[in-house]
Amino acid sequence: MNFDLSDEQKMLAEQARGLLAERVPFDRLRKLIDANAEWDEPLWRELGEMGFLGANIPEEFGGLGLSELDLAMISQELGRVNAAVPFASSLVLAADAIRLAGSDVQKAEWLPRLATGEVVGCFAYAEGPGDLLGRGVRQEGAKLNGTKTPVADAGVATLAVVQAGEALALVRLDQPGVARTRLDSFDQLRPHYRLDFADADAELLPRGGQIETLFDRAVVQAAFEAVGAAEACLTMARDYAMERQMFGRPLAGYQAIKHKLADVAVAVEMARSNAFYAGWAAGDASGELPGAAAAARLTAITAFEMAARENLQVHGGIGYTFEANCHFYYRRERTLAIALGNREHWAERLIAHTPGSQTKAA
């Protein structure tokens, strides 16, 4: 099986990388943090103008109708620069939930507006740190009650897809029945919120049984985001080690540093291989997505954790300062590691979907 990128996918990745390298320098990220900004709105608008926000939305609803691997090229490059945009929340989760579980009317109303960036969506599933399938929020008729927390990017979203037990509901966030409270997020470039619903108007998505598929597809994109970021950490650590002089020779000349970076490189390539396989499985009808997604998730967060940590270690004391660039990736790594379910959840899912396993699928 050949997982090499097509010429079109390579061109898409190069186009996204070129744009983001120019628009998202580290100084830009610092300015966003200093201004306590919710997001990089100018970048979001530009991504919409280039069609990137409609990558996974069908052409009939104003999108590009690209494959999961095509979308992954964008996710990977956004991860490489730590872009402060709600791409995962709005497109990977909210838009995909509407595409998978919504009615034709709901799709026609929301997908074109999500594709242009006119509407920003978020996905509210957790009811506490590390929770994946919170069931406390209740939908009673056309009303929603309860609390979801933490919810990424809810501050800039106008629409939320909310998990209520086994169901999914659409909720406009600009109504009296919804209260938003900003939380202290470890990753300052990806704000999180608490959402309180008190008889909030809600609209049921009729095919809500797609929750597991939605999460499987989402962690594939998160895996590519982590791979892009891990690769950036490896490059940053390598470049610093090659220029930093220690006892009259480059830091990169010491065997211990070489071994550290080699271990990271191996972990990144392992994660990349699993991510590509999962990306293929997400667009295939073979039924291999659950296991492939779990493997991609586990290897990606492991590689990103190793890369972010070793990047800090190679930089030494200066790596822990705000002026250095390492902390952007370490903060994002810690956030991605617990979003969409922790290691234990995905390890159990991998075991459950491994051929020959006697464990019942979760």
Protein backbone atom coordinates (compact mmCIF):
# COMPACT_ATOMS: atom_id res chain seq x y z
CA MET A 1 0.00 0.00 0.00
CA ASN A 2 1.46 3.35 -1.05
CA PHE A 3 0.87 6.26 1.31
CA ASP A 4 2.89 8.75 -0.70
CA LEU A 5 1.20 12.10 -1.21
CA SER A 6 -0.25 12.95 -4.59
CA ASP A 7 1.11 15.95 -6.47
CA GLU A 8 -2.05 17.86 -5.53
CA GLN A 9 -1.61 17.07 -1.83
CA LYS A 10 2.03 18.13 -1.92
CA MET A 11 1.01 21.38 -3.57
CA LEU A 12 -1.69 21.95 -0.95
CA ALA A 13 0.80 21.35 1.88
CA GLU A 14 3.37 23.68 0.33
CA GLN A 15 0.76 26.38 -0.21
CA ALA A 16 -0.44 26.15 3.41
CA ARG A 17 3.12 26.05 4.76
CA GLY A 18 4.19 29.09 2.76
CA LEU A 19 1.19 31.14 3.85
CA LEU A 20 1.45 30.21 7.52
CA ALA A 21 5.21 30.70 7.73
CA GLU A 22 4.68 34.25 6.52
CA ARG A 23 1.58 35.06 8.56
CA VAL A 24 2.38 33.33 11.86
CA PRO A 25 5.88 34.28 13.07
CA PHE A 26 6.58 33.75 16.76
CA ASP A 27 6.47 37.47 17.42
CA ARG A 28 2.88 37.43 16.18
CA LEU A 29 2.01 34.75 18.73
CA ARG A 30 3.55 36.81 21.53
CA LYS A 31 1.52 39.85 20.52
CA LEU A 32 -1.67 37.80 20.62
CA ILE A 33 -0.84 36.60 24.13
CA ASP A 34 0.10 40.08 25.35
CA ALA A 35 -3.21 41.42 23.98
CA ASN A 36 -5.15 38.57 25.64
CA ALA A 37 -6.63 37.91 22.20
CA GLU A 38 -9.11 35.10 21.65
CA TRP A 39 -7.74 34.23 18.20
CA ASP A 40 -5.91 35.46 15.13
CA GLU A 41 -8.96 36.79 13.30
CA PRO A 42 -7.11 38.23 10.26
CA LEU A 43 -5.52 34.83 9.63
CA TRP A 44 -8.92 33.15 9.95
CA ARG A 45 -10.39 35.47 7.32
CA GLU A 46 -7.50 34.77 4.98
CA LEU A 47 -7.86 31.02 5.42
CA GLY A 48 -11.51 31.41 4.48
CA GLU A 49 -10.69 33.45 1.38
CA MET A 50 -8.27 30.75 0.23
CA GLY A 51 -10.89 28.03 0.66
CA PHE A 52 -9.05 26.17 3.43
CA LEU A 53 -12.02 26.44 5.81
CA GLY A 54 -14.20 24.51 3.39
CA ALA A 55 -11.72 21.72 2.76
CA ASN A 56 -13.82 18.92 4.28
CA ILE A 57 -17.23 20.38 3.38
CA PRO A 58 -18.97 18.93 0.30
CA GLU A 59 -18.98 21.04 -2.84
CA GLU A 60 -22.79 21.18 -2.85
CA PHE A 61 -22.56 23.17 0.39
CA GLY A 62 -19.88 25.60 -0.77
CA GLY A 63 -16.80 23.61 0.26
CA LEU A 64 -13.98 21.95 -1.63
CA GLY A 65 -15.05 18.38 -0.91
CA LEU A 66 -11.48 17.22 -0.25
CA SER A 67 -10.44 13.92 1.32
CA GLU A 68 -9.37 13.36 4.92
CA LEU A 69 -5.73 13.27 3.83
CA ASP A 70 -6.15 16.55 1.99
CA LEU A 71 -7.60 18.10 5.14
CA ALA A 72 -4.74 16.59 7.13
CA MET A 73 -2.21 18.57 5.12
CA ILE A 74 -3.80 21.76 6.43
CA SER A 75 -4.03 20.42 10.01
CA GLN A 76 -0.35 19.47 9.91
CA GLU A 77 0.79 22.92 8.79
CA LEU A 78 -1.42 24.69 11.35
CA GLY A 79 0.21 22.54 14.01
CA ARG A 80 3.67 23.36 12.70
CA VAL A 81 3.20 27.08 13.47
CA ASN A 82 0.85 26.87 16.48
CA ALA A 83 -1.76 28.94 14.65
CA ALA A 84 -4.29 30.62 16.96
CA VAL A 85 -7.40 29.77 14.94
CA PRO A 86 -10.41 27.52 15.75
CA PHE A 87 -9.80 25.21 12.79
CA ALA A 88 -10.16 21.97 14.77
CA SER A 89 -13.19 23.19 16.71
CA SER A 90 -15.10 24.71 13.81
CA LEU A 91 -14.22 22.49 10.83
CA VAL A 92 -12.84 19.21 12.13
CA LEU A 93 -15.50 18.84 14.83
CA ALA A 94 -18.55 21.11 14.44
CA ALA A 95 -18.79 21.06 10.64
CA ASP A 96 -18.07 17.35 10.45
CA ALA A 97 -20.72 16.65 13.11
CA ILE A 98 -23.31 18.51 11.05
CA ARG A 99 -22.17 16.75 7.87
CA LEU A 100 -22.36 13.31 9.50
CA ALA A 101 -25.44 13.71 11.72
CA GLY A 102 -27.41 16.71 10.44
CA SER A 103 -30.49 16.88 8.28
CA ASP A 104 -30.37 18.22 4.75
CA VAL A 105 -31.92 21.47 5.98
CA GLN A 106 -29.34 21.84 8.76
CA LYS A 107 -26.50 21.16 6.35
CA ALA A 108 -27.79 23.71 3.86
CA GLU A 109 -28.17 26.32 6.60
CA TRP A 110 -24.83 25.96 8.37
CA LEU A 111 -22.19 24.26 6.23
CA PRO A 112 -21.86 27.06 3.62
CA ARG A 113 -21.39 29.63 6.39
CA LEU A 114 -18.84 27.46 8.19
CA ALA A 115 -16.97 26.96 4.91
CA THR A 116 -16.42 30.69 4.46
CA GLY A 117 -15.61 31.37 8.11
CA GLU A 118 -18.64 33.65 8.46
CA VAL A 119 -19.82 31.33 11.26
CA VAL A 120 -17.39 29.79 13.75
CA GLY A 121 -18.45 26.59 15.45
CA CYS A 122 -17.29 24.69 18.52
CA PHE A 123 -17.95 21.21 19.86
CA ALA A 124 -19.03 20.78 23.49
CA TYR A 125 -18.61 17.24 24.76
CA ALA A 126 -16.68 17.28 28.05
CA GLU A 127 -18.14 17.86 31.50
CA GLY A 128 -14.84 17.98 33.31
CA PRO A 129 -11.10 17.65 32.55
CA GLY A 130 -10.30 14.46 30.69
CA ASP A 131 -13.96 13.58 30.18
CA LEU A 132 -14.89 12.36 26.72
CA LEU A 133 -18.52 11.32 26.95
CA GLY A 134 -20.13 13.61 29.50
CA ARG A 135 -23.80 12.79 29.94
CA GLY A 136 -24.96 15.41 32.45
CA VAL A 137 -26.36 17.85 29.90
CA ARG A 138 -30.02 17.12 29.24
CA GLN A 139 -32.13 17.89 26.22
CA GLU A 140 -35.82 18.11 26.99
CA GLY A 141 -37.82 18.81 23.86
CA ALA A 142 -36.30 21.88 22.23
CA LYS A 143 -34.51 23.01 25.41
CA LEU A 144 -31.05 22.23 26.77
CA ASN A 145 -29.89 22.32 30.41
CA GLY A 146 -26.57 21.60 32.05
CA THR A 147 -22.89 22.50 31.83
CA LYS A 148 -20.08 21.68 29.43
CA THR A 149 -16.47 22.40 30.37
CA PRO A 150 -13.84 22.85 29.05
CA VAL A 151 -14.95 23.86 25.54
CA ALA A 152 -12.22 25.02 23.18
CA ASP A 153 -12.78 28.23 21.18
CA ALA A 154 -16.28 28.84 22.58
CA GLY A 155 -15.46 32.53 23.03
CA VAL A 156 -15.36 33.20 19.29
CA ALA A 157 -18.00 30.67 18.25
CA THR A 158 -21.56 31.57 17.36
CA LEU A 159 -22.73 27.96 17.06
CA ALA A 160 -22.08 24.93 19.24
CA VAL A 161 -22.67 21.25 18.57
CA VAL A 162 -23.44 19.90 22.04
CA GLN A 163 -23.35 16.27 23.08
CA ALA A 164 -26.37 15.46 25.24
CA GLY A 165 -26.19 11.80 26.18
CA GLU A 166 -26.27 9.81 22.97
CA ALA A 167 -27.66 12.77 21.04
CA LEU A 168 -26.11 15.81 19.37
CA ALA A 169 -27.80 19.20 19.39
CA LEU A 170 -27.20 22.53 17.65
CA VAL A 171 -27.19 25.54 19.97
CA ARG A 172 -26.69 29.19 19.08
CA LEU A 173 -24.42 30.75 21.68
CA ASP A 174 -25.76 34.30 21.32
CA GLN A 175 -29.01 33.61 23.18
CA PRO A 176 -30.09 34.39 26.76
CA GLY A 177 -30.11 30.74 27.79
CA VAL A 178 -26.33 30.37 27.32
CA ALA A 179 -23.63 31.75 29.65
CA ARG A 180 -19.94 31.68 28.66
CA THR A 181 -17.15 31.85 31.25
CA ARG A 182 -13.53 31.99 30.12
CA LEU A 183 -11.20 29.57 31.92
CA ASP A 184 -7.50 29.91 32.71
CA SER A 185 -6.08 27.87 29.84
CA PHE A 186 -2.55 26.50 29.95
CA ASP A 187 -2.33 27.08 26.20
CA GLN A 188 -2.96 30.81 25.92
CA LEU A 189 -3.39 30.54 22.15
CA ARG A 190 -6.31 28.11 22.45
CA PRO A 191 -8.77 29.54 25.01
CA HIS A 192 -11.28 27.28 26.74
CA TYR A 193 -14.66 28.11 28.23
CA ARG A 194 -17.35 26.83 30.55
CA LEU A 195 -20.78 26.80 28.88
CA ASP A 196 -23.87 26.86 31.09
CA PHE A 197 -27.22 26.08 29.46
CA ALA A 198 -30.47 27.12 31.14
CA ASP A 199 -33.47 26.27 28.98
CA ALA A 200 -31.37 27.15 25.94
CA ASP A 201 -33.03 26.69 22.56
CA ALA A 202 -31.58 23.59 20.91
CA GLU A 203 -32.13 21.72 17.68
CA LEU A 204 -31.52 17.99 17.54
CA LEU A 205 -29.24 16.51 14.88
CA PRO A 206 -31.31 13.54 13.66
CA ARG A 207 -28.42 11.12 13.12
CA GLY A 208 -26.67 11.52 16.47
CA GLY A 209 -25.38 7.93 16.51
CA GLN A 210 -22.28 9.12 14.64
CA ILE A 211 -20.44 10.24 17.80
CA GLU A 212 -17.77 7.52 17.79
CA THR A 213 -17.06 8.01 14.08
CA LEU A 214 -16.82 11.76 14.65
CA PHE A 215 -14.22 11.32 17.41
CA ASP A 216 -12.26 8.80 15.34
CA ARG A 217 -12.07 11.23 12.44
CA ALA A 218 -11.20 14.13 14.73
CA VAL A 219 -8.24 12.37 16.35
CA VAL A 220 -6.83 11.61 12.91
CA GLN A 221 -6.65 15.35 12.24
CA ALA A 222 -5.31 15.97 15.75
CA ALA A 223 -2.61 13.40 15.03
CA PHE A 224 -1.49 15.31 11.95
CA GLU A 225 -1.54 18.56 13.92
CA ALA A 226 0.69 16.93 16.54
CA VAL A 227 3.04 15.51 13.90
CA GLY A 228 3.49 18.93 12.32
CA ALA A 229 4.20 20.50 15.71
CA ALA A 230 6.56 17.68 16.75
CA GLU A 231 8.51 18.05 13.53
CA ALA A 232 8.82 21.78 14.21
CA CYS A 233 10.17 21.03 17.71
CA LEU A 234 12.72 18.62 16.28
CA THR A 235 13.89 21.17 13.72
CA MET A 236 14.09 23.90 16.37
CA ALA A 237 16.13 21.71 18.72
CA ARG A 238 18.45 20.56 15.93
CA ASP A 239 19.11 24.09 14.69
CA TYR A 240 19.83 25.38 18.19
CA ALA A 241 22.15 22.45 18.95
CA MET A 242 24.11 23.09 15.77
CA GLU A 243 24.70 26.78 16.54
CA ARG A 244 25.14 26.61 20.34
CA GLN A 245 28.79 26.29 21.35
CA MET A 246 29.68 24.27 24.44
CA PHE A 247 33.33 23.90 25.54
CA GLY A 248 34.51 25.04 22.14
CA ARG A 249 32.40 22.73 20.00
CA PRO A 250 28.79 22.68 18.76
CA LEU A 251 26.28 21.19 21.19
CA ALA A 252 25.13 18.94 18.36
CA GLY A 253 28.55 17.28 18.36
CA TYR A 254 27.90 15.54 21.68
CA GLN A 255 26.65 11.97 21.46
CA ALA A 256 24.01 12.42 24.14
CA ILE A 257 22.36 15.22 22.14
CA LYS A 258 22.55 13.17 18.94
CA HIS A 259 20.79 10.28 20.67
CA LYS A 260 18.08 12.54 22.06
CA LEU A 261 17.30 14.00 18.65
CA ALA A 262 17.50 10.60 16.95
CA ASP A 263 14.94 9.20 19.40
CA VAL A 264 12.62 12.10 18.66
CA ALA A 265 13.05 11.61 14.91
CA VAL A 266 12.10 7.93 15.22
CA ALA A 267 9.02 8.77 17.29
CA VAL A 268 7.91 11.43 14.79
CA GLU A 269 8.25 9.04 11.85
CA MET A 270 6.30 6.37 13.72
CA ALA A 271 3.53 8.88 14.42
CA ARG A 272 3.55 10.08 10.82
CA SER A 273 3.18 6.52 9.50
CA ASN A 274 0.23 5.80 11.78
CA ALA A 275 -1.38 9.13 10.93
CA PHE A 276 -1.17 8.42 7.20
CA TYR A 277 -2.68 4.97 7.67
CA ALA A 278 -5.51 6.45 9.75
CA GLY A 279 -6.05 9.16 7.16
CA TRP A 280 -6.45 6.50 4.51
CA ALA A 281 -8.80 4.48 6.76
CA ALA A 282 -10.97 7.57 7.40
CA GLY A 283 -11.82 7.70 3.70
CA ASP A 284 -12.18 3.96 3.22
CA ALA A 285 -15.16 1.71 3.88
CA SER A 286 -13.09 -1.20 5.21
CA GLY A 287 -13.98 -0.59 8.87
CA GLU A 288 -10.36 -0.12 9.92
CA LEU A 289 -10.80 3.46 11.12
CA PRO A 290 -11.39 2.83 14.87
CA GLY A 291 -8.16 0.91 15.42
CA ALA A 292 -6.14 3.04 13.02
CA ALA A 293 -7.38 6.27 14.63
CA ALA A 294 -6.50 5.00 18.11
CA ALA A 295 -2.98 4.03 17.00
CA ALA A 296 -2.49 7.41 15.33
CA ARG A 297 -3.71 9.21 18.42
CA LEU A 298 -1.40 7.33 20.80
CA THR A 299 1.76 7.57 18.71
CA ALA A 300 1.15 11.23 17.84
CA ILE A 301 0.73 12.49 21.40
CA THR A 302 3.74 10.38 22.46
CA ALA A 303 5.91 11.85 19.70
CA PHE A 304 4.76 15.40 20.39
CA GLU A 305 5.36 15.04 24.13
CA MET A 306 8.87 13.71 23.53
CA ALA A 307 9.67 16.38 20.96
CA ALA A 308 8.35 19.28 23.06
CA ARG A 309 10.17 18.06 26.17
CA GLU A 310 13.50 17.39 24.47
CA ASN A 311 13.29 20.74 22.68
CA LEU A 312 13.15 22.40 26.10
CA GLN A 313 16.02 20.25 27.41
CA VAL A 314 18.29 20.95 24.44
CA HIS A 315 17.73 24.70 24.85
CA GLY A 316 18.60 24.50 28.54
CA GLY A 317 17.56 27.29 30.90
CA ILE A 318 16.77 29.77 28.14
CA GLY A 319 14.18 27.38 26.76
CA TYR A 320 11.92 28.05 29.75
CA THR A 321 11.73 31.80 29.14
CA PHE A 322 8.89 33.64 27.41
CA GLU A 323 11.41 35.07 24.95
CA ALA A 324 12.33 31.60 23.71
CA ASN A 325 9.91 29.79 21.42
CA CYS A 326 9.82 26.36 23.06
CA HIS A 327 6.90 27.11 25.38
CA PHE A 328 4.43 27.61 22.52
CA TYR A 329 4.78 23.94 21.60
CA TYR A 330 4.98 22.61 25.14
CA ARG A 331 1.73 24.37 26.02
CA ARG A 332 0.00 23.07 22.89
CA GLU A 333 1.30 19.56 23.51
CA ARG A 334 -0.12 19.47 27.03
CA THR A 335 -3.47 20.70 25.70
CA LEU A 336 -3.68 18.24 22.80
CA ALA A 337 -2.71 15.35 25.08
CA ILE A 338 -5.97 15.57 27.05
CA ALA A 339 -8.31 16.89 24.36
CA LEU A 340 -10.60 14.32 22.72
CA GLY A 341 -9.89 11.74 25.39
CA ASN A 342 -6.74 10.75 27.24
CA ARG A 343 -4.23 7.95 26.57
CA GLU A 344 -6.17 5.39 28.61
CA HIS A 345 -9.32 5.84 26.54
CA TRP A 346 -7.54 5.46 23.22
CA ALA A 347 -5.35 2.58 24.45
CA GLU A 348 -8.50 0.68 25.40
CA ARG A 349 -10.05 1.49 22.04
CA LEU A 350 -6.94 0.27 20.22
CA ILE A 351 -6.99 -3.01 22.13
CA ALA A 352 -10.71 -3.43 21.50
CA HIS A 353 -10.20 -3.05 17.75
CA THR A 354 -7.06 -5.15 17.44
CA PRO A 355 -7.71 -8.42 15.55
CA GLY A 356 -7.94 -11.31 17.98
CA SER A 357 -8.70 -9.13 20.99
CA GLN A 358 -11.38 -10.47 23.35
CA THR A 359 -12.13 -6.99 24.70
CA LYS A 360 -15.50 -5.61 23.70
CA ALA A 361 -15.25 -2.35 21.73
CA ALA A 362 -16.03 0.73 23.82
